[in-house]
Protein backbone atom coordinates (compact mmCIF):
# COMPACT_ATOMS: atom_id res chain seq x y z
CA MET A 1 38.32 -4.26 -2.34
CA ARG A 2 40.35 -7.50 -2.52
CA ARG A 3 37.32 -9.21 -4.05
CA GLN A 4 37.09 -6.53 -6.77
CA GLN A 5 40.82 -6.82 -7.52
CA LYS A 6 40.48 -10.59 -7.94
CA ARG A 7 37.59 -10.03 -10.30
CA SER A 8 39.62 -7.52 -12.38
CA ILE A 9 42.49 -10.00 -12.66
CA SER A 10 40.13 -12.76 -13.73
CA ILE A 11 38.57 -10.49 -16.35
CA TRP A 12 41.91 -9.76 -17.99
CA LEU A 13 42.87 -13.42 -17.86
CA TRP A 14 39.59 -14.19 -19.57
CA VAL A 15 40.32 -11.57 -22.26
CA CYS A 16 43.83 -12.93 -22.85
CA VAL A 17 42.57 -16.49 -23.14
CA GLY A 18 39.87 -15.30 -25.49
CA PHE A 19 42.35 -13.59 -27.81
CA TRP A 20 44.69 -16.59 -27.66
CA MET A 21 41.83 -18.89 -28.69
CA GLY A 22 40.60 -16.49 -31.34
CA VAL A 23 37.34 -15.81 -29.52
CA VAL A 24 35.76 -12.38 -29.75
CA VAL A 25 35.08 -11.14 -26.23
CA PRO A 26 32.19 -8.64 -25.88
CA LEU A 27 33.79 -5.55 -24.36
CA SER A 28 30.44 -4.39 -22.97
CA ALA A 29 30.16 -7.49 -20.79
CA ILE A 30 33.69 -6.87 -19.49
CA SER A 31 33.21 -3.18 -18.77
CA ALA A 32 29.76 -3.45 -17.17
CA PRO A 33 30.20 -2.45 -13.50
CA TYR A 34 29.72 -5.20 -10.94
CA ALA A 35 27.46 -5.12 -7.89
CA ASP A 36 25.79 -7.70 -5.68
CA MET A 37 23.72 -8.24 -2.55
CA VAL A 38 22.68 -11.21 -0.43
CA MET A 39 19.62 -10.95 1.84
CA ASP A 40 17.81 -13.19 4.29
CA ALA A 41 14.35 -12.98 2.75
CA ARG A 42 12.64 -13.88 6.03
CA THR A 43 13.90 -10.84 7.91
CA GLY A 44 15.21 -8.49 5.24
CA LYS A 45 18.66 -8.54 6.84
CA VAL A 46 21.54 -7.92 4.43
CA LEU A 47 24.13 -10.70 4.74
CA SER A 48 26.63 -9.46 2.16
CA SER A 49 26.94 -6.70 -0.43
CA GLU A 50 29.32 -5.07 -2.88
CA ASN A 51 28.62 -1.77 -4.66
CA ALA A 52 25.00 -2.40 -3.70
CA ASP A 53 24.02 1.28 -3.89
CA THR A 54 25.71 2.06 -7.18
CA ARG A 55 23.16 3.09 -9.81
CA LEU A 56 23.53 0.72 -12.76
CA HIS A 57 21.54 -0.47 -15.76
CA PRO A 58 18.99 -3.07 -14.54
CA ALA A 59 18.15 -4.47 -18.00
CA SER A 60 15.20 -6.88 -17.83
CA LEU A 61 15.21 -6.92 -14.04
CA THR A 62 12.96 -3.93 -14.78
CA LYS A 63 10.19 -6.36 -15.64
CA MET A 64 10.01 -7.35 -11.97
CA MET A 65 8.42 -3.95 -11.34
CA THR A 66 6.23 -4.21 -14.44
CA LEU A 67 4.92 -7.52 -13.15
CA TYR A 68 4.57 -6.27 -9.57
CA ILE A 69 2.27 -3.50 -10.79
CA ALA A 70 0.38 -5.94 -13.03
CA PHE A 71 -0.29 -8.21 -10.03
CA GLU A 72 -1.28 -5.17 -7.98
CA ALA A 73 -3.69 -3.93 -10.66
CA ILE A 74 -5.37 -7.33 -10.98
CA GLU A 75 -5.73 -7.74 -7.22
CA ASN A 76 -7.15 -4.23 -6.86
CA GLY A 77 -9.72 -4.74 -9.60
CA GLU A 78 -8.20 -2.19 -11.97
CA ILE A 79 -7.93 -4.74 -14.77
CA SER A 80 -8.78 -8.39 -15.34
CA ALA A 81 -6.23 -11.07 -16.16
CA ASN A 82 -8.73 -12.18 -18.82
CA LYS A 83 -8.85 -8.77 -20.50
CA LYS A 84 -7.89 -8.97 -24.17
CA VAL A 85 -5.24 -6.34 -24.73
CA ARG A 86 -4.89 -4.72 -28.15
CA ILE A 87 -1.25 -4.60 -29.19
CA SER A 88 -0.07 -1.15 -30.23
CA ARG A 89 2.45 -0.32 -32.93
CA LYS A 90 4.92 0.68 -30.23
CA ALA A 91 4.61 -2.61 -28.38
CA ALA A 92 4.86 -4.67 -31.56
CA SER A 93 8.01 -2.81 -32.66
CA GLU A 94 10.02 -3.43 -29.48
CA PRO A 95 13.31 -5.24 -30.18
CA PRO A 96 14.06 -8.76 -28.92
CA SER A 97 13.75 -10.56 -26.69
CA LYS A 98 10.12 -10.57 -27.75
CA LEU A 99 7.09 -12.74 -28.21
CA GLY A 100 6.51 -11.54 -31.78
CA LEU A 101 3.21 -9.77 -31.18
CA ARG A 102 1.58 -8.03 -34.15
CA GLU A 103 0.05 -4.57 -34.20
CA GLY A 104 -3.72 -4.83 -33.73
CA GLN A 105 -3.49 -8.34 -32.31
CA ARG A 106 -5.53 -9.02 -29.18
CA ILE A 107 -4.14 -11.24 -26.45
CA GLU A 108 -5.22 -11.90 -22.88
CA LEU A 109 -3.31 -10.05 -20.20
CA ARG A 110 -2.48 -13.33 -18.44
CA TYR A 111 -0.42 -14.43 -21.45
CA LEU A 112 1.42 -11.11 -21.59
CA ILE A 113 2.31 -11.53 -17.93
CA ARG A 114 3.59 -15.04 -18.52
CA ALA A 115 5.66 -13.92 -21.51
CA ALA A 116 7.21 -11.04 -19.55
CA ALA A 117 7.96 -13.20 -16.52
CA VAL A 118 9.31 -16.30 -18.26
CA LYS A 119 10.53 -15.29 -21.73
CA SER A 120 11.38 -11.70 -20.70
CA ALA A 121 9.49 -10.46 -23.76
CA ASN A 122 9.90 -6.72 -24.33
CA ASP A 123 6.79 -6.40 -26.50
CA ALA A 124 4.71 -8.07 -23.78
CA ALA A 125 6.09 -5.73 -21.11
CA THR A 126 5.21 -2.63 -23.12
CA ALA A 127 1.73 -3.99 -23.81
CA ILE A 128 1.19 -4.62 -20.09
CA GLY A 129 2.12 -1.04 -19.27
CA GLU A 130 -0.13 0.40 -21.95
CA ALA A 131 -3.04 -1.80 -20.89
CA ILE A 132 -2.85 -0.67 -17.26
CA GLU A 133 -2.00 3.02 -17.59
CA GLY A 134 -2.84 3.90 -21.20
CA SER A 135 0.73 4.62 -22.28
CA GLU A 136 4.21 3.44 -21.42
CA ALA A 137 5.16 6.92 -20.23
CA ALA A 138 2.27 6.97 -17.75
CA PHE A 139 3.16 3.45 -16.67
CA ALA A 140 6.78 4.48 -16.06
CA ARG A 141 5.53 7.24 -13.77
CA ARG A 142 3.54 4.65 -11.84
CA MET A 143 6.62 2.42 -11.68
CA ASN A 144 8.55 5.26 -10.06
CA ARG A 145 5.77 5.98 -7.58
CA THR A 146 5.66 2.32 -6.63
CA ALA A 147 9.45 2.12 -6.35
CA LYS A 148 9.45 5.10 -3.99
CA ALA A 149 6.67 3.57 -1.90
CA LEU A 150 8.61 0.29 -1.64
CA GLY A 151 11.72 2.06 -0.39
CA MET A 152 13.70 1.71 -3.64
CA THR A 153 15.39 5.04 -3.12
CA ARG A 154 17.95 4.97 -5.95
CA THR A 155 15.83 3.65 -8.80
CA THR A 156 14.44 5.57 -11.77
CA PHE A 157 12.40 3.81 -14.45
CA LYS A 158 11.91 5.16 -17.97
CA ASN A 159 10.24 2.16 -19.62
CA ALA A 160 8.48 -1.11 -18.84
CA HIS A 161 11.00 -3.53 -20.38
CA GLY A 162 14.46 -2.43 -19.27
CA LEU A 163 16.16 -1.74 -22.59
CA THR A 164 18.93 0.81 -22.10
CA GLU A 165 17.67 4.38 -21.83
CA LYS A 166 19.27 7.46 -20.33
CA GLY A 167 18.32 7.76 -16.67
CA HIS A 168 16.85 4.24 -16.46
CA LEU A 169 18.88 3.02 -13.50
CA SER A 170 18.63 0.93 -10.35
CA THR A 171 20.83 -0.75 -7.75
CA ALA A 172 21.51 -4.23 -6.43
CA ARG A 173 19.92 -3.20 -3.14
CA ASP A 174 16.75 -1.86 -4.72
CA MET A 175 16.27 -4.91 -6.93
CA THR A 176 16.78 -7.22 -3.96
CA ILE A 177 14.11 -5.27 -2.08
CA LEU A 178 11.76 -5.62 -5.06
CA GLY A 179 12.41 -9.35 -5.32
CA ARG A 180 11.50 -9.78 -1.65
CA HIS A 181 8.28 -7.81 -2.12
CA LEU A 182 7.29 -9.95 -5.11
CA PHE A 183 7.60 -13.07 -2.99
CA TYR A 184 5.73 -11.80 0.06
CA ASP A 185 3.25 -9.34 -1.48
CA TYR A 186 1.98 -11.60 -4.28
CA PRO A 187 2.65 -15.22 -3.31
CA ASP A 188 -0.19 -16.46 -5.52
CA TYR A 189 1.65 -15.16 -8.60
CA TYR A 190 5.23 -15.86 -7.57
CA HIS A 191 5.11 -19.43 -8.92
CA LEU A 192 5.32 -18.00 -12.45
CA PHE A 193 9.00 -17.26 -11.95
CA SER A 194 9.81 -20.91 -11.21
CA ARG A 195 8.28 -22.29 -14.40
CA VAL A 196 10.90 -23.81 -16.70
CA ASN A 197 8.53 -23.25 -19.61
CA ILE A 198 5.03 -21.84 -19.91
CA ASP A 199 2.08 -21.55 -22.27
CA VAL A 200 1.66 -18.03 -23.65
CA GLY A 201 -1.47 -18.75 -25.66
CA SER A 202 0.03 -19.36 -29.08
CA ARG A 203 2.90 -21.61 -27.99
CA VAL A 204 5.02 -22.78 -25.08
CA VAL A 205 8.15 -20.74 -24.35
CA PRO A 206 11.18 -21.61 -22.18
CA ASN A 207 12.32 -19.65 -19.14
CA THR A 208 15.40 -17.47 -19.66
CA ASN A 209 16.46 -18.58 -16.16
CA ARG A 210 15.94 -22.31 -16.71
CA ARG A 211 19.62 -23.23 -16.36
CA PHE A 212 19.85 -21.77 -12.90
CA LEU A 213 16.47 -23.16 -11.86
CA ASN A 214 17.52 -26.64 -12.97
CA ASN A 215 21.00 -26.58 -11.44
CA PHE A 216 20.68 -24.87 -8.06
CA LYS A 217 18.96 -26.75 -5.26
CA GLY A 218 15.94 -24.87 -3.94
CA ALA A 219 15.93 -22.16 -6.62
CA ASP A 220 12.44 -20.96 -7.55
CA GLY A 221 12.96 -17.59 -9.32
CA ILE A 222 13.22 -14.70 -9.96
CA LYS A 223 14.43 -12.78 -13.04
CA THR A 224 17.32 -12.50 -15.48
CA GLY A 225 18.45 -9.47 -17.45
CA TYR A 226 21.00 -8.63 -20.13
CA THR A 227 21.96 -5.64 -22.23
CA ASN A 228 25.34 -4.46 -23.52
CA ALA A 229 25.39 -1.67 -20.96
CA ALA A 230 24.25 -3.84 -18.04
CA GLY A 231 26.09 -7.09 -18.60
CA PHE A 232 24.42 -10.23 -17.27
CA ASN A 233 22.12 -9.54 -14.32
CA LEU A 234 20.11 -11.87 -12.10
CA VAL A 235 17.92 -11.68 -9.01
CA ALA A 236 17.51 -15.19 -7.64
CA SER A 237 15.65 -16.64 -4.69
CA ALA A 238 16.04 -20.08 -3.19
CA GLU A 239 14.57 -21.96 -0.25
CA ARG A 240 16.10 -24.76 1.78
CA GLY A 241 14.29 -26.00 4.83
CA ASN A 242 13.16 -22.98 6.82
CA GLU A 243 15.58 -20.62 5.12
CA ARG A 244 15.00 -18.40 2.10
CA ILE A 245 17.80 -16.34 0.58
CA ILE A 246 17.72 -13.71 -2.18
CA ALA A 247 20.87 -12.85 -4.12
CA THR A 248 21.34 -10.19 -6.80
CA VAL A 249 24.17 -9.75 -9.28
CA PHE A 250 24.69 -6.85 -11.68
CA GLY A 251 27.37 -6.87 -14.37
CA GLY A 252 28.05 -10.57 -14.87
CA ARG A 253 30.34 -11.44 -17.80
CA SER A 254 28.25 -14.28 -19.19
CA THR A 255 25.25 -16.41 -18.31
CA LYS A 256 27.50 -19.09 -16.83
CA THR A 257 29.76 -16.82 -14.78
CA ARG A 258 26.74 -14.88 -13.54
CA ASN A 259 24.93 -18.05 -12.51
CA ASP A 260 28.05 -19.39 -10.82
CA GLN A 261 28.46 -16.16 -8.88
CA VAL A 262 24.81 -16.11 -7.79
CA ALA A 263 25.12 -19.74 -6.68
CA LYS A 264 28.15 -18.81 -4.54
CA LEU A 265 26.28 -15.90 -3.01
CA LEU A 266 23.22 -18.00 -2.22
CA ASN A 267 25.33 -20.74 -0.67
CA TYR A 268 27.08 -18.10 1.43
CA GLY A 269 23.68 -16.79 2.48
CA PHE A 270 22.46 -20.24 3.55
CA LYS A 271 25.62 -20.74 5.62
CA LYS A 272 25.42 -17.35 7.31
CA ALA A 273 21.67 -17.11 7.91
CA PRO A 274 20.27 -18.68 11.10
CA SER A 275 18.35 -21.90 10.63
CA LYS A 276 15.37 -20.38 12.44
CA ALA A 277 14.20 -16.81 12.22
CA THR A 278 10.96 -14.96 12.78
CA ILE A 279 9.49 -13.96 9.44
CA ILE A 280 9.08 -10.21 9.18
CA LYS A 281 7.08 -9.59 6.05
CA PRO A 282 7.67 -6.28 4.30
CA ASN A 283 4.84 -3.76 4.34
CA LYS A 284 2.99 -3.26 1.09
CA PRO A 285 3.65 0.10 -0.56
CA ASN A 286 2.32 3.13 1.29
CA TYR A 287 1.44 5.45 -1.54
CA ALA A 288 0.12 8.12 0.79
CA SER A 289 3.52 8.59 2.40
CA ALA A 290 5.35 8.25 -0.92
CA ASN A 291 3.31 11.04 -2.49
CA LYS A 292 3.09 14.15 -0.38
CA ILE A 293 0.17 15.41 -2.43
CA ILE A 294 -2.01 12.64 -1.04
CA ASN A 295 -2.11 13.68 2.60
CA THR A 296 -5.73 13.79 3.64
CA LYS A 297 -8.72 11.48 3.56
CA LEU A 298 -10.81 12.28 0.56
CA ALA A 299 -14.49 11.83 -0.11
CA VAL A 300 -16.74 11.89 -3.13
CA SER A 301 -20.20 12.44 -1.74
CA THR A 302 -22.49 13.06 -4.68
CA SER A 303 -25.80 11.39 -5.27
CA LEU A 304 -26.11 8.86 -8.06
CA ARG A 305 -29.12 10.66 -9.48
CA PRO A 306 -30.34 14.25 -9.39
CA LYS A 307 -33.30 14.72 -7.09
CA ALA A 308 -36.63 15.26 -8.80
CA ARG A 309 -38.10 18.75 -8.77
CA PRO A 310 -41.21 19.35 -6.62
CA ASN A 311 -44.37 17.86 -8.16
CA ASP A 312 -42.28 16.05 -10.74
CA LYS A 313 -42.66 12.31 -10.29
CA SER A 314 -40.16 11.27 -12.92
CA VAL A 315 -36.66 12.35 -13.74
CA GLN A 316 -36.36 13.42 -17.36
CA THR A 317 -32.80 13.75 -18.56
CA ASP A 318 -33.46 16.70 -20.86
CA THR A 319 -35.10 18.81 -18.12
CA LYS A 320 -32.96 17.71 -15.18
CA LEU A 321 -29.54 18.56 -16.62
CA ALA A 322 -30.02 22.20 -15.73
CA ALA A 323 -30.57 21.24 -12.11
CA LEU A 324 -27.28 19.36 -11.84
CA ASP A 325 -24.62 21.37 -10.11
CA LEU A 326 -21.98 18.67 -9.74
CA LYS A 327 -19.85 17.29 -12.54
CA THR A 328 -20.19 13.69 -11.43
CA ASP A 329 -23.98 13.77 -11.67
CA LEU A 330 -23.73 15.38 -15.08
CA ALA A 331 -21.56 12.50 -16.25
CA VAL A 332 -24.10 9.90 -15.12
CA ALA A 333 -26.99 11.78 -16.70
CA LEU A 334 -25.16 12.31 -19.99
CA THR A 335 -24.16 8.68 -20.16
CA LEU A 336 -27.76 7.57 -19.64
CA ALA A 337 -28.89 10.02 -22.28
CA HIS A 338 -26.34 8.65 -24.76
CA LEU A 339 -27.20 5.04 -24.06
CA ASN A 340 -30.95 5.54 -23.52
CA THR A 341 -30.91 2.42 -21.37
CA THR A 342 -29.62 1.12 -18.08
CA PRO A 343 -26.07 -0.14 -18.72
CA VAL A 344 -25.14 -3.64 -17.65
CA LEU A 345 -21.76 -4.42 -16.17
CA SER A 346 -21.05 -8.08 -16.84
CA ASP A 347 -17.60 -7.95 -15.27
CA GLN A 348 -16.07 -5.27 -13.09
CA ASN A 349 -12.98 -5.20 -15.30
CA GLU A 350 -14.62 -5.20 -18.73
CA PRO A 351 -14.08 -1.94 -20.61
CA LEU A 352 -16.95 0.50 -20.95
CA SER A 353 -18.07 1.85 -24.26
CA THR A 354 -16.03 4.66 -25.81
CA ALA A 355 -18.69 7.22 -24.92
CA GLU A 356 -18.80 6.06 -21.31
CA GLU A 357 -15.02 6.03 -20.96
CA LYS A 358 -14.70 9.57 -22.30
CA ILE A 359 -17.33 10.83 -19.89
CA ILE A 360 -15.85 9.02 -16.90
CA ASP A 361 -12.33 10.19 -17.76
CA ALA A 362 -13.58 13.76 -18.02
CA THR A 363 -15.40 13.36 -14.72
CA LEU A 364 -12.30 12.16 -12.95
CA GLU A 365 -9.94 14.88 -14.11
CA PRO A 366 -7.68 16.17 -11.32
CA LYS A 367 -9.64 18.53 -9.12
CA SER A 368 -9.43 19.97 -5.65
CA LEU A 369 -11.44 18.06 -3.10
CA MET A 370 -12.47 19.08 0.38
CA PRO A 371 -10.91 17.05 3.21
CA GLU A 372 -13.18 14.32 4.52
CA VAL A 373 -15.09 15.45 7.61
CA VAL A 374 -17.26 12.41 8.23
CA THR A 375 -15.30 9.85 10.23
CA ARG A 376 -17.99 7.18 10.44
CA ILE A 377 -21.02 6.17 8.44
CA SER A 378 -24.14 7.80 9.78
CA ALA A 379 -27.57 8.45 8.34
CA SER A 380 -31.11 8.83 9.53
CA GLY A 381 -33.98 6.44 9.05
CA GLY A 382 -31.85 3.32 9.35
CA ARG A 383 -29.77 4.19 6.28
CA ASP A 384 -26.53 3.59 8.15
CA TRP A 385 -25.20 0.70 6.09
CA ALA A 386 -22.65 0.80 3.29
CA ILE A 387 -21.05 -1.46 0.72
CA ASN A 388 -17.44 -1.65 -0.38
CA VAL A 389 -16.60 -2.44 -4.01
CA GLY A 390 -12.85 -2.59 -3.81
CA LEU A 391 -9.54 -1.32 -2.48
CA PHE A 392 -7.36 0.58 -4.95
CA THR A 393 -3.91 2.08 -5.12
CA THR A 394 -5.07 5.43 -6.50
CA GLN A 395 -7.99 7.74 -5.82
CA TYR A 396 -8.72 7.87 -9.54
CA ALA A 397 -9.12 4.09 -9.81
CA ALA A 398 -11.49 4.04 -6.81
CA GLU A 399 -13.63 6.86 -8.21
CA LYS A 400 -13.74 5.21 -11.62
CA MET A 401 -14.91 1.93 -10.09
CA LEU A 402 -17.64 3.75 -8.18
CA LEU A 403 -18.93 5.40 -11.36
CA LYS A 404 -18.88 2.15 -13.32
CA THR A 405 -20.72 0.36 -10.53
CA ALA A 406 -23.22 3.20 -10.22
CA LEU A 407 -24.01 2.97 -13.92
CA ALA A 408 -24.48 -0.78 -13.64
CA GLU A 409 -26.68 -0.78 -10.52
CA MET A 410 -28.62 2.48 -10.69
CA SER A 411 -31.79 0.93 -9.31
CA THR A 412 -30.39 -0.78 -6.21
CA LEU A 413 -27.92 2.01 -5.35
CA ASP A 414 -30.36 4.86 -5.86
CA GLY A 415 -30.07 7.43 -3.10
CA SER A 416 -26.69 6.27 -1.82
CA LEU A 417 -23.55 8.38 -1.80
CA ARG A 418 -20.21 7.59 -3.41
CA LYS A 419 -17.31 7.87 -0.98
CA VAL A 420 -13.58 7.31 -1.48
CA VAL A 421 -11.75 6.84 1.82
CA ASN A 422 -7.96 7.05 1.95
CA SER A 423 -6.95 4.37 4.46
CA LYS A 424 -3.59 2.88 5.38
CA LYS A 425 -4.19 0.02 2.95
CA GLY A 426 -5.21 2.20 0.00
CA PHE A 427 -8.26 3.96 -1.41
CA GLU A 428 -11.53 2.29 -0.41
CA ALA A 429 -14.46 2.63 -2.81
CA ASN A 430 -17.71 2.73 -0.80
CA PHE A 431 -21.39 3.45 -1.33
CA VAL A 432 -22.81 4.83 1.93
CA GLY A 433 -26.24 5.79 3.25
CA LEU A 434 -28.02 2.50 2.53
CA SER A 435 -30.45 0.49 4.59
CA GLU A 436 -29.38 -3.00 5.59
CA GLU A 437 -31.82 -4.52 3.12
CA ALA A 438 -30.66 -2.29 0.28
CA ALA A 439 -26.99 -2.99 1.01
CA GLU A 440 -27.57 -6.75 1.01
CA ARG A 441 -29.60 -6.59 -2.19
CA ALA A 442 -27.03 -4.42 -3.97
CA CYS A 443 -24.19 -6.72 -2.98
CA GLN A 444 -26.03 -9.82 -4.12
CA ARG A 445 -26.68 -8.29 -7.53
CA LEU A 446 -23.07 -7.09 -7.89
CA LEU A 447 -21.59 -10.41 -6.80
CA ALA A 448 -23.79 -12.14 -9.38
CA LYS A 449 -22.03 -9.96 -11.98
CA ASN A 450 -18.58 -10.89 -10.63
CA VAL A 451 -18.13 -7.48 -9.03
CA GLU A 452 -16.39 -7.53 -5.66
CA CYS A 453 -18.74 -6.37 -2.91
CA GLU A 454 -18.87 -6.39 0.88
CA THR A 455 -21.55 -5.00 3.18
CA LEU A 456 -20.49 -2.68 6.00
CA GLY A 457 -22.72 -2.34 9.08
CA PRO A 458 -23.11 0.66 11.40
CA SER A 459 -20.38 -0.58 13.71
């Protein structure tokens, strides 16, 4: 309370000095509510906080979640960092800060990620969301699912960039939690936040957080944010020796005063935190527990091809369609009929043709599935091997990967079954019912096409 009173006094002194000097003071920056939190990143222990659970405007701190999901999607094989994203009219029209992307322009996802992380580009953030989920609205729903799974209990996202929108709110506690997850869950990507400037394909852009990175010893990220409603926000992380501290400030009055306050909080954290502590990494998001709908193991156990009729040595698409009683097999058969050839998957993340995508999307519409009964891989005749082609955050993504892989490797995967298993880590995409030789051969061919693959033995 005393701390808040001191801040109020300093604000009015600042206003008075501003009027005396003839300087226009932005009222929004003054009136933006203040909140902060200091956390020992190693253990997750809160060392200090003020108004940490008050729901406030996060501004561009929002992009931390956008980037978290982008890293997650790349790691799970949902999308490639090399994918060239087509910029929509909506993305191109986002207000500054922006990269200046043009409608119809194509740019690699990696550059969009860099622009969102370093320049805090709103057009890049929207384009990332659209590339991963098809629309910003769908991406916002995924952001909220992820936030819930991470334990961000008082956060609601409405967009991918953080511009002020009704109901788009978070807290100092939730953003500190997210900052810690970024560091521990995706350490291979975290270095982006420490770059003072970075190449975004067309040019090199400076980091919006470069002043703090340059001036505070040990600082290596994470993200700034500013809007009229939010004031000047910052989530910062710094490491000194064996200690790592994360500090968050909402509602700073200016870049300088915000940076000064974060520096004070970090220094306080380094003084209060023990020099040695056992690192307790946070658990990655448990989507099964965050979404009550996903509460059973699920399986897709349909053959890649329809079985030939008696005395019919070949499978003819035009005569076999009538024999298909499962929608997934119909999708494969229709796709082959449209293409009249065996499709080739050069990269697991390359987009399919429009015809293929429409068929696969129709195939994977929400539907009721029977709970998985099989608890281990078993088959007769030595066909007790399987291959795994990825771990995904959603059942849909796993099923889609199985269909794409099936279309690419019809010959080597013939006779196997597609199975999605909901495990603690996510949704595993498996082909089961293979012989050891067939599993090895299929994996070799898929790996040659840059498709992730691992053989699974009977044990």
